[in-house]
Amino acid sequence: MTANNVLGCEIVLMTGEVVRIGGKHLDAGGYDLLGVINGSEGLLGVVTEVTVRILRKPESARALLIGFATSRMRASALATSSVPASSRPAWR
């Protein structure tokens, strides 16, 4: 997700105040204000600067299709981590 790669931003609020959130490194704790700004999609202010983390291109990519007879079996497989973490859906 893009929000996971945004490290910081500068935002101009509706009052005209300029606010910097985050920086060059991920924040250790506290409220996730950067996540709130990313999720607001411009409703809280205008983003004028963004610091992002650049990831290397993966050496390979694979498609994976997993079928389950019932949704209960799917939930059980996700709960016991028998499905690789990279293939777990974000909506579980």
Protein backbone atom coordinates (compact mmCIF):
# COMPACT_ATOMS: atom_id res chain seq x y z
CA MET A 1 0.00 0.00 0.00
CA THR A 2 1.16 3.49 -0.75
CA ALA A 3 0.40 4.72 2.77
CA ASN A 4 2.99 2.28 4.16
CA ASN A 5 5.70 3.93 2.06
CA VAL A 6 4.95 7.56 2.98
CA LEU A 7 7.45 8.61 5.66
CA GLY A 8 6.51 12.26 6.03
CA CYS A 9 4.64 15.17 4.51
CA GLU A 10 4.10 18.89 4.64
CA ILE A 11 0.47 19.95 4.63
CA VAL A 12 -1.26 23.32 4.45
CA LEU A 13 -4.37 23.32 6.64
CA MET A 14 -7.58 25.21 5.85
CA THR A 15 -6.47 27.92 8.28
CA GLY A 16 -3.32 28.52 6.21
CA GLU A 17 -1.05 26.95 8.81
CA VAL A 18 1.81 24.82 7.42
CA VAL A 19 2.34 21.56 9.32
CA ARG A 20 5.12 18.96 8.91
CA ILE A 21 4.34 15.39 9.94
CA GLY A 22 6.80 12.51 9.97
CA GLY A 23 10.24 12.80 8.43
CA LYS A 24 12.94 10.64 6.92
CA HIS A 25 12.30 7.71 9.26
CA LEU A 26 9.20 5.86 10.44
CA ASP A 27 7.76 7.11 13.72
CA ALA A 28 8.16 4.70 16.63
CA GLY A 29 4.92 5.29 18.51
CA GLY A 30 2.05 7.58 19.33
CA TYR A 31 -0.90 8.51 17.17
CA ASP A 32 -0.65 7.75 13.45
CA LEU A 33 -1.19 11.31 12.22
CA LEU A 34 0.52 10.52 8.95
CA GLY A 35 -2.00 7.72 8.37
CA VAL A 36 -4.86 10.12 9.11
CA ILE A 37 -3.51 12.61 6.57
CA ASN A 38 -3.07 9.85 3.95
CA GLY A 39 -6.54 8.50 4.59
CA SER A 40 -8.22 11.91 4.48
CA GLU A 41 -7.54 12.17 0.72
CA GLY A 42 -7.15 15.94 0.85
CA LEU A 43 -10.06 16.75 3.15
CA LEU A 44 -7.85 17.96 6.02
CA GLY A 45 -5.53 20.10 3.91
CA VAL A 46 -3.37 20.35 0.82
CA VAL A 47 -0.25 18.20 0.78
CA THR A 48 2.61 20.28 -0.60
CA GLU A 49 5.55 17.93 0.02
CA VAL A 50 5.90 14.18 0.52
CA THR A 51 8.82 12.02 1.68
CA VAL A 52 8.50 8.45 0.41
CA ARG A 53 10.44 5.25 0.86
CA ILE A 54 11.73 3.83 -2.42
CA LEU A 55 11.70 0.04 -2.58
CA ARG A 56 13.87 -2.15 -4.76
CA LYS A 57 12.25 -4.00 -7.60
CA PRO A 58 11.67 -7.61 -6.46
CA GLU A 59 13.79 -10.27 -8.11
CA SER A 60 10.69 -12.22 -9.05
CA ALA A 61 6.93 -12.10 -8.72
CA ARG A 62 4.55 -15.02 -8.48
CA ALA A 63 0.81 -15.29 -8.75
CA LEU A 64 -0.90 -17.45 -6.16
CA LEU A 65 -4.45 -18.79 -6.21
CA ILE A 66 -5.76 -20.48 -3.08
CA GLY A 67 -9.17 -22.11 -3.01
CA PHE A 68 -11.18 -23.05 0.08
CA ALA A 69 -14.34 -25.13 0.24
CA THR A 70 -15.90 -22.85 2.86
CA SER A 71 -15.24 -19.43 4.33
CA ARG A 72 -14.69 -21.13 7.71
CA MET A 73 -11.77 -23.09 6.25
CA ARG A 74 -10.31 -19.84 4.85
CA ALA A 75 -10.61 -18.11 8.22
CA SER A 76 -8.98 -21.06 9.94
CA ALA A 77 -6.08 -21.13 7.48
CA LEU A 78 -5.45 -17.39 7.90
CA ALA A 79 -5.63 -17.64 11.70
CA THR A 80 -3.11 -20.49 11.87
CA SER A 81 -0.73 -18.84 9.36
CA SER A 82 -0.78 -21.82 7.01
CA VAL A 83 -1.09 -19.27 4.21
CA PRO A 84 2.10 -17.30 3.41
CA ALA A 85 2.05 -13.77 4.85
CA SER A 86 2.60 -12.25 1.42
CA SER A 87 -0.62 -13.79 0.14
CA ARG A 88 -2.83 -12.84 3.09
CA PRO A 89 -5.51 -10.35 2.12
CA ALA A 90 -5.63 -6.99 3.90
CA TRP A 91 -9.41 -7.33 4.38
CA ARG A 92 -9.44 -10.41 6.57
